[in-house]
Amino acid sequence: MKKLLKIILIISIPIFFTACYDKVELDDLAYVIGIGADVGEGENLNITYQIAIPVKIEKDNSESGKETYTTYTVSAPSLYMR
């Protein structure tokens, strides 16, 4: 009986621990596809990030008129500052 219980426990553990409760869809992520740095005021840099929008990317997006990326520019002392 103990051997059967162990086998059932070993088989059931992978089933219960493979849930998707904290999944992240690839379409919900942002992908940086370009970074540019320009000289800013003082010792700051103007850093521009070009980020892909996966939801808007389609097989034939040339005729859809949707932009498949967005750009953000921030002023910071280095690339590592927020």
PDB file of N, CA and C in Angstrom:
ATOM      1  N   MET A   1       0.821  -1.198   0.000  1.00  0.00           N
ATOM      2  CA  MET A   1       0.000   0.000   0.000  1.00  0.00           C
ATOM      3  C   MET A   1       0.866   1.263   0.000  1.00  0.00           C
ATOM      4  N   LYS A   2       1.951   1.241   0.791  1.00  0.00           N
ATOM      5  CA  LYS A   2       2.839   2.403   0.835  1.00  0.00           C
ATOM      6  C   LYS A   2       3.526   2.614  -0.511  1.00  0.00           C
ATOM      7  N   LYS A   3       3.857   1.538  -1.175  1.00  0.00           N
ATOM      8  CA  LYS A   3       4.510   1.634  -2.474  1.00  0.00           C
ATOM      9  C   LYS A   3       3.565   2.257  -3.515  1.00  0.00           C
ATOM     10  N   LEU A   4       2.311   1.876  -3.478  1.00  0.00           N
ATOM     11  CA  LEU A   4       1.320   2.438  -4.387  1.00  0.00           C
ATOM     12  C   LEU A   4       1.110   3.927  -4.105  1.00  0.00           C
ATOM     13  N   LEU A   5       1.084   4.301  -2.853  1.00  0.00           N
ATOM     14  CA  LEU A   5       0.924   5.705  -2.474  1.00  0.00           C
ATOM     15  C   LEU A   5       2.111   6.541  -2.958  1.00  0.00           C
ATOM     16  N   LYS A   6       3.306   6.002  -2.843  1.00  0.00           N
ATOM     17  CA  LYS A   6       4.498   6.703  -3.317  1.00  0.00           C
ATOM     18  C   LYS A   6       4.455   6.889  -4.836  1.00  0.00           C
ATOM     19  N   ILE A   7       4.024   5.866  -5.546  1.00  0.00           N
ATOM     20  CA  ILE A   7       3.937   5.952  -7.009  1.00  0.00           C
ATOM     21  C   ILE A   7       2.910   7.003  -7.420  1.00  0.00           C
ATOM     22  N   ILE A   8       1.780   7.008  -6.757  1.00  0.00           N
ATOM     23  CA  ILE A   8       0.744   8.010  -7.057  1.00  0.00           C
ATOM     24  C   ILE A   8       1.252   9.404  -6.749  1.00  0.00           C
ATOM     25  N   LEU A   9       1.956   9.573  -5.649  1.00  0.00           N
ATOM     26  CA  LEU A   9       2.513  10.877  -5.283  1.00  0.00           C
ATOM     27  C   LEU A   9       3.549  11.336  -6.308  1.00  0.00           C
ATOM     28  N   ILE A  10       4.418  10.443  -6.721  1.00  0.00           N
ATOM     29  CA  ILE A  10       5.452  10.795  -7.698  1.00  0.00           C
ATOM     30  C   ILE A  10       4.830  11.167  -9.042  1.00  0.00           C
ATOM     31  N   ILE A  11       3.780  10.501  -9.429  1.00  0.00           N
ATOM     32  CA  ILE A  11       3.112  10.812 -10.696  1.00  0.00           C
ATOM     33  C   ILE A  11       2.319  12.110 -10.598  1.00  0.00           C
ATOM     34  N   SER A  12       1.714  12.372  -9.453  1.00  0.00           N
ATOM     35  CA  SER A  12       0.856  13.555  -9.323  1.00  0.00           C
ATOM     36  C   SER A  12       1.633  14.851  -9.115  1.00  0.00           C
ATOM     37  N   ILE A  13       2.840  14.809  -8.585  1.00  0.00           N
ATOM     38  CA  ILE A  13       3.613  16.032  -8.341  1.00  0.00           C
ATOM     39  C   ILE A  13       3.859  16.808  -9.636  1.00  0.00           C
ATOM     40  N   PRO A  14       4.341  16.196 -10.718  1.00  0.00           N
ATOM     41  CA  PRO A  14       4.534  16.987 -11.950  1.00  0.00           C
ATOM     42  C   PRO A  14       3.234  17.567 -12.503  1.00  0.00           C
ATOM     43  N   ILE A  15       2.146  16.890 -12.307  1.00  0.00           N
ATOM     44  CA  ILE A  15       0.860  17.396 -12.807  1.00  0.00           C
ATOM     45  C   ILE A  15       0.464  18.673 -12.078  1.00  0.00           C
ATOM     46  N   PHE A  16       0.640  18.718 -10.766  1.00  0.00           N
ATOM     47  CA  PHE A  16       0.222  19.877  -9.985  1.00  0.00           C
ATOM     48  C   PHE A  16       1.207  21.042 -10.058  1.00  0.00           C
ATOM     49  N   PHE A  17       2.468  20.794 -10.369  1.00  0.00           N
ATOM     50  CA  PHE A  17       3.456  21.858 -10.395  1.00  0.00           C
ATOM     51  C   PHE A  17       3.745  22.390 -11.799  1.00  0.00           C
ATOM     52  N   THR A  18       2.954  22.044 -12.777  1.00  0.00           N
ATOM     53  CA  THR A  18       3.133  22.571 -14.121  1.00  0.00           C
ATOM     54  C   THR A  18       1.996  23.507 -14.508  1.00  0.00           C
ATOM     55  N   ALA A  19       1.403  24.149 -13.546  1.00  0.00           N
ATOM     56  CA  ALA A  19       0.291  25.059 -13.806  1.00  0.00           C
ATOM     57  C   ALA A  19       0.782  26.343 -14.466  1.00  0.00           C
ATOM     58  N   CYS A  20      -0.127  27.070 -15.057  1.00  0.00           N
ATOM     59  CA  CYS A  20       0.197  28.307 -15.762  1.00  0.00           C
ATOM     60  C   CYS A  20      -0.390  29.524 -15.050  1.00  0.00           C
ATOM     61  N   TYR A  21      -0.439  29.508 -13.756  1.00  0.00           N
ATOM     62  CA  TYR A  21      -1.073  30.611 -13.029  1.00  0.00           C
ATOM     63  C   TYR A  21      -0.301  31.915 -13.159  1.00  0.00           C
ATOM     64  N   ASP A  22       0.994  31.880 -13.391  1.00  0.00           N
ATOM     65  CA  ASP A  22       1.781  33.104 -13.503  1.00  0.00           C
ATOM     66  C   ASP A  22       2.390  33.265 -14.891  1.00  0.00           C
ATOM     67  N   LYS A  23       1.693  32.799 -15.889  1.00  0.00           N
ATOM     68  CA  LYS A  23       2.220  32.842 -17.246  1.00  0.00           C
ATOM     69  C   LYS A  23       2.305  34.273 -17.763  1.00  0.00           C
ATOM     70  N   VAL A  24       3.220  34.501 -18.666  1.00  0.00           N
ATOM     71  CA  VAL A  24       3.372  35.787 -19.335  1.00  0.00           C
ATOM     72  C   VAL A  24       3.348  35.504 -20.825  1.00  0.00           C
ATOM     73  N   GLU A  25       2.384  36.083 -21.513  1.00  0.00           N
ATOM     74  CA  GLU A  25       2.271  35.883 -22.954  1.00  0.00           C
ATOM     75  C   GLU A  25       3.366  36.665 -23.673  1.00  0.00           C
ATOM     76  N   LEU A  26       3.866  36.127 -24.755  1.00  0.00           N
ATOM     77  CA  LEU A  26       4.893  36.819 -25.525  1.00  0.00           C
ATOM     78  C   LEU A  26       4.381  38.135 -26.092  1.00  0.00           C
ATOM     79  N   ASP A  27       3.092  38.209 -26.391  1.00  0.00           N
ATOM     80  CA  ASP A  27       2.522  39.437 -26.927  1.00  0.00           C
ATOM     81  C   ASP A  27       2.437  40.546 -25.887  1.00  0.00           C
ATOM     82  N   ASP A  28       2.550  40.208 -24.603  1.00  0.00           N
ATOM     83  CA  ASP A  28       2.485  41.213 -23.546  1.00  0.00           C
ATOM     84  C   ASP A  28       3.856  41.778 -23.182  1.00  0.00           C
ATOM     85  N   LEU A  29       4.916  41.235 -23.749  1.00  0.00           N
ATOM     86  CA  LEU A  29       6.266  41.693 -23.452  1.00  0.00           C
ATOM     87  C   LEU A  29       6.676  42.782 -24.441  1.00  0.00           C
ATOM     88  N   ALA A  30       7.651  43.572 -24.045  1.00  0.00           N
ATOM     89  CA  ALA A  30       8.202  44.597 -24.920  1.00  0.00           C
ATOM     90  C   ALA A  30       9.632  44.209 -25.276  1.00  0.00           C
ATOM     91  N   TYR A  31       9.982  44.385 -26.518  1.00  0.00           N
ATOM     92  CA  TYR A  31      11.317  44.032 -26.991  1.00  0.00           C
ATOM     93  C   TYR A  31      12.014  45.279 -27.499  1.00  0.00           C
ATOM     94  N   VAL A  32      13.152  45.603 -26.917  1.00  0.00           N
ATOM     95  CA  VAL A  32      13.942  46.747 -27.382  1.00  0.00           C
ATOM     96  C   VAL A  32      14.652  46.308 -28.656  1.00  0.00           C
ATOM     97  N   ILE A  33      14.395  47.037 -29.740  1.00  0.00           N
ATOM     98  CA  ILE A  33      15.021  46.673 -31.012  1.00  0.00           C
ATOM     99  C   ILE A  33      16.068  47.694 -31.440  1.00  0.00           C
ATOM    100  N   GLY A  34      16.158  48.802 -30.705  1.00  0.00           N
ATOM    101  CA  GLY A  34      17.176  49.793 -31.028  1.00  0.00           C
ATOM    102  C   GLY A  34      17.412  50.746 -29.872  1.00  0.00           C
ATOM    103  N   ILE A  35      18.666  51.141 -29.683  1.00  0.00           N
ATOM    104  CA  ILE A  35      19.035  52.109 -28.657  1.00  0.00           C
ATOM    105  C   ILE A  35      19.945  53.141 -29.301  1.00  0.00           C
ATOM    106  N   GLY A  36      19.670  54.406 -29.034  1.00  0.00           N
ATOM    107  CA  GLY A  36      20.521  55.479 -29.533  1.00  0.00           C
ATOM    108  C   GLY A  36      20.843  56.448 -28.411  1.00  0.00           C
ATOM    109  N   ALA A  37      22.050  56.982 -28.406  1.00  0.00           N
ATOM    110  CA  ALA A  37      22.465  57.932 -27.375  1.00  0.00           C
ATOM    111  C   ALA A  37      22.991  59.195 -28.044  1.00  0.00           C
ATOM    112  N   ASP A  38      22.490  60.344 -27.600  1.00  0.00           N
ATOM    113  CA  ASP A  38      22.930  61.642 -28.086  1.00  0.00           C
ATOM    114  C   ASP A  38      23.417  62.466 -26.910  1.00  0.00           C
ATOM    115  N   VAL A  39      24.236  63.465 -27.203  1.00  0.00           N
ATOM    116  CA  VAL A  39      24.722  64.359 -26.157  1.00  0.00           C
ATOM    117  C   VAL A  39      23.562  65.246 -25.717  1.00  0.00           C
ATOM    118  N   GLY A  40      23.325  65.297 -24.410  1.00  0.00           N
ATOM    119  CA  GLY A  40      22.249  66.120 -23.868  1.00  0.00           C
ATOM    120  C   GLY A  40      22.805  67.354 -23.184  1.00  0.00           C
ATOM    121  N   GLU A  41      21.985  67.964 -22.351  1.00  0.00           N
ATOM    122  CA  GLU A  41      22.413  69.151 -21.614  1.00  0.00           C
ATOM    123  C   GLU A  41      23.261  68.741 -20.419  1.00  0.00           C
ATOM    124  N   GLY A  42      24.315  69.506 -20.142  1.00  0.00           N
ATOM    125  CA  GLY A  42      25.190  69.183 -19.024  1.00  0.00           C
ATOM    126  C   GLY A  42      25.927  67.883 -19.273  1.00  0.00           C
ATOM    127  N   GLU A  43      25.924  67.010 -18.295  1.00  0.00           N
ATOM    128  CA  GLU A  43      26.585  65.712 -18.449  1.00  0.00           C
ATOM    129  C   GLU A  43      25.586  64.590 -18.744  1.00  0.00           C
ATOM    130  N   ASN A  44      24.382  64.941 -19.104  1.00  0.00           N
ATOM    131  CA  ASN A  44      23.353  63.941 -19.395  1.00  0.00           C
ATOM    132  C   ASN A  44      23.412  63.488 -20.850  1.00  0.00           C
ATOM    133  N   LEU A  45      22.868  62.317 -21.073  1.00  0.00           N
ATOM    134  CA  LEU A  45      22.694  61.776 -22.410  1.00  0.00           C
ATOM    135  C   LEU A  45      21.205  61.730 -22.722  1.00  0.00           C
ATOM    136  N   ASN A  46      20.850  61.971 -23.958  1.00  0.00           N
ATOM    137  CA  ASN A  46      19.490  61.736 -24.420  1.00  0.00           C
ATOM    138  C   ASN A  46      19.474  60.333 -25.015  1.00  0.00           C
ATOM    139  N   ILE A  47      18.834  59.422 -24.326  1.00  0.00           N
ATOM    140  CA  ILE A  47      18.837  58.026 -24.730  1.00  0.00           C
ATOM    141  C   ILE A  47      17.477  57.690 -25.332  1.00  0.00           C
ATOM    142  N   THR A  48      17.483  57.177 -26.541  1.00  0.00           N
ATOM    143  CA  THR A  48      16.255  56.825 -27.242  1.00  0.00           C
ATOM    144  C   THR A  48      16.172  55.311 -27.377  1.00  0.00           C
ATOM    145  N   TYR A  49      15.027  54.762 -26.966  1.00  0.00           N
ATOM    146  CA  TYR A  49      14.772  53.329 -27.066  1.00  0.00           C
ATOM    147  C   TYR A  49      13.667  53.112 -28.091  1.00  0.00           C
ATOM    148  N   GLN A  50      13.889  52.205 -29.020  1.00  0.00           N
ATOM    149  CA  GLN A  50      12.851  51.821 -29.969  1.00  0.00           C
ATOM    150  C   GLN A  50      12.353  50.448 -29.534  1.00  0.00           C
ATOM    151  N   ILE A  51      11.057  50.362 -29.236  1.00  0.00           N
ATOM    152  CA  ILE A  51      10.479  49.155 -28.660  1.00  0.00           C
ATOM    153  C   ILE A  51       9.425  48.597 -29.615  1.00  0.00           C
ATOM    154  N   ALA A  52       9.518  47.291 -29.893  1.00  0.00           N
ATOM    155  CA  ALA A  52       8.552  46.618 -30.763  1.00  0.00           C
ATOM    156  C   ALA A  52       7.247  46.409 -30.019  1.00  0.00           C
ATOM    157  N   ILE A  53       6.132  46.475 -30.746  1.00  0.00           N
ATOM    158  CA  ILE A  53       4.806  46.198 -30.210  1.00  0.00           C
ATOM    159  C   ILE A  53       4.332  44.898 -30.856  1.00  0.00           C
ATOM    160  N   PRO A  54       4.533  43.755 -30.184  1.00  0.00           N
ATOM    161  CA  PRO A  54       4.224  42.468 -30.810  1.00  0.00           C
ATOM    162  C   PRO A  54       2.762  42.298 -31.193  1.00  0.00           C
ATOM    163  N   VAL A  55       1.852  42.937 -30.482  1.00  0.00           N
ATOM    164  CA  VAL A  55       0.427  42.787 -30.782  1.00  0.00           C
ATOM    165  C   VAL A  55       0.098  43.347 -32.165  1.00  0.00           C
ATOM    166  N   LYS A  56       0.809  44.389 -32.580  1.00  0.00           N
ATOM    167  CA  LYS A  56       0.512  45.024 -33.857  1.00  0.00           C
ATOM    168  C   LYS A  56       1.269  44.430 -35.039  1.00  0.00           C
ATOM    169  N   ILE A  57       2.200  43.533 -34.752  1.00  0.00           N
ATOM    170  CA  ILE A  57       2.967  42.923 -35.839  1.00  0.00           C
ATOM    171  C   ILE A  57       2.137  41.812 -36.472  1.00  0.00           C
ATOM    172  N   GLU A  58       1.943  41.916 -37.769  1.00  0.00           N
ATOM    173  CA  GLU A  58       1.190  40.916 -38.514  1.00  0.00           C
ATOM    174  C   GLU A  58       2.066  40.398 -39.637  1.00  0.00           C
ATOM    175  N   LYS A  59       1.580  39.398 -40.314  1.00  0.00           N
ATOM    176  CA  LYS A  59       2.358  38.845 -41.428  1.00  0.00           C
ATOM    177  C   LYS A  59       2.573  39.878 -42.518  1.00  0.00           C
ATOM    178  N   ASP A  60       1.532  40.606 -42.879  1.00  0.00           N
ATOM    179  CA  ASP A  60       1.636  41.608 -43.931  1.00  0.00           C
ATOM    180  C   ASP A  60       1.246  42.956 -43.345  1.00  0.00           C
ATOM    181  N   ASN A  61       2.189  43.605 -42.655  1.00  0.00           N
ATOM    182  CA  ASN A  61       1.875  44.871 -41.999  1.00  0.00           C
ATOM    183  C   ASN A  61       2.147  46.074 -42.891  1.00  0.00           C
ATOM    184  N   SER A  62       2.606  45.866 -44.103  1.00  0.00           N
ATOM    185  CA  SER A  62       2.906  46.996 -44.970  1.00  0.00           C
ATOM    186  C   SER A  62       1.636  47.723 -45.405  1.00  0.00           C
ATOM    187  N   GLU A  63       0.529  47.029 -45.518  1.00  0.00           N
ATOM    188  CA  GLU A  63      -0.707  47.654 -45.962  1.00  0.00           C
ATOM    189  C   GLU A  63      -1.653  47.973 -44.808  1.00  0.00           C
ATOM    190  N   SER A  64      -1.327  47.513 -43.602  1.00  0.00           N
ATOM    191  CA  SER A  64      -2.255  47.702 -42.489  1.00  0.00           C
ATOM    192  C   SER A  64      -2.217  49.115 -41.935  1.00  0.00           C
ATOM    193  N   GLY A  65      -1.113  49.846 -42.133  1.00  0.00           N
ATOM    194  CA  GLY A  65      -1.024  51.208 -41.650  1.00  0.00           C
ATOM    195  C   GLY A  65      -0.715  51.321 -40.173  1.00  0.00           C
ATOM    196  N   LYS A  66      -0.455  50.236 -39.509  1.00  0.00           N
ATOM    197  CA  LYS A  66      -0.140  50.263 -38.086  1.00  0.00           C
ATOM    198  C   LYS A  66       1.363  50.371 -37.892  1.00  0.00           C
ATOM    199  N   GLU A  67       1.765  51.186 -36.910  1.00  0.00           N
ATOM    200  CA  GLU A  67       3.173  51.210 -36.554  1.00  0.00           C
ATOM    201  C   GLU A  67       3.449  50.027 -35.650  1.00  0.00           C
ATOM    202  N   THR A  68       4.489  49.310 -35.941  1.00  0.00           N
ATOM    203  CA  THR A  68       4.812  48.117 -35.160  1.00  0.00           C
ATOM    204  C   THR A  68       5.860  48.392 -34.090  1.00  0.00           C
ATOM    205  N   TYR A  69       6.169  49.670 -33.867  1.00  0.00           N
ATOM    206  CA  TYR A  69       7.129  50.023 -32.838  1.00  0.00           C
ATOM    207  C   TYR A  69       6.776  51.385 -32.260  1.00  0.00           C
ATOM    208  N   THR A  70       7.365  51.685 -31.121  1.00  0.00           N
ATOM    209  CA  THR A  70       7.234  52.998 -30.507  1.00  0.00           C
ATOM    210  C   THR A  70       8.601  53.419 -30.006  1.00  0.00           C
ATOM    211  N   THR A  71       8.820  54.712 -29.839  1.00  0.00           N
ATOM    212  CA  THR A  71      10.115  55.199 -29.354  1.00  0.00           C
ATOM    213  C   THR A  71       9.911  56.025 -28.086  1.00  0.00           C
ATOM    214  N   TYR A  72      10.853  55.876 -27.175  1.00  0.00           N
ATOM    215  CA  TYR A  72      10.872  56.645 -25.932  1.00  0.00           C
ATOM    216  C   TYR A  72      12.243  57.285 -25.799  1.00  0.00           C
ATOM    217  N   THR A  73      12.276  58.548 -25.426  1.00  0.00           N
ATOM    218  CA  THR A  73      13.527  59.253 -25.194  1.00  0.00           C
ATOM    219  C   THR A  73      13.563  59.732 -23.756  1.00  0.00           C
ATOM    220  N   VAL A  74      14.665  59.441 -23.077  1.00  0.00           N
ATOM    221  CA  VAL A  74      14.860  59.878 -21.692  1.00  0.00           C
ATOM    222  C   VAL A  74      16.205  60.566 -21.589  1.00  0.00           C
ATOM    223  N   SER A  75      16.321  61.440 -20.596  1.00  0.00           N
ATOM    224  CA  SER A  75      17.573  62.125 -20.321  1.00  0.00           C
ATOM    225  C   SER A  75      18.143  61.550 -19.040  1.00  0.00           C
ATOM    226  N   ALA A  76      19.366  61.000 -19.110  1.00  0.00           N
ATOM    227  CA  ALA A  76      19.964  60.343 -17.949  1.00  0.00           C
ATOM    228  C   ALA A  76      21.483  60.457 -18.057  1.00  0.00           C
ATOM    229  N   PRO A  77      22.174  60.312 -16.914  1.00  0.00           N
ATOM    230  CA  PRO A  77      23.639  60.399 -16.944  1.00  0.00           C
ATOM    231  C   PRO A  77      24.317  59.202 -17.628  1.00  0.00           C
ATOM    232  N   SER A  78      23.618  58.061 -17.712  1.00  0.00           N
ATOM    233  CA  SER A  78      24.200  56.899 -18.386  1.00  0.00           C
ATOM    234  C   SER A  78      23.071  55.978 -18.840  1.00  0.00           C
ATOM    235  N   LEU A  79      23.436  54.922 -19.549  1.00  0.00           N
ATOM    236  CA  LEU A  79      22.439  53.955 -20.018  1.00  0.00           C
ATOM    237  C   LEU A  79      21.821  53.178 -18.860  1.00  0.00           C
ATOM    238  N   TYR A  80      22.510  53.086 -17.740  1.00  0.00           N
ATOM    239  CA  TYR A  80      22.064  52.249 -16.638  1.00  0.00           C
ATOM    240  C   TYR A  80      21.181  52.987 -15.654  1.00  0.00           C
ATOM    241  N   MET A  81      21.005  54.276 -15.787  1.00  0.00           N
ATOM    242  CA  MET A  81      20.156  55.044 -14.870  1.00  0.00           C
ATOM    243  C   MET A  81      18.716  54.979 -15.330  1.00  0.00           C
ATOM    244  N   ARG A  82      17.792  55.079 -14.380  1.00  0.00           N
ATOM    245  CA  ARG A  82      16.362  55.080 -14.726  1.00  0.00           C
ATOM    246  C   ARG A  82      15.851  56.474 -14.850  1.00  0.00           C
TER     247      ARG A  82
END
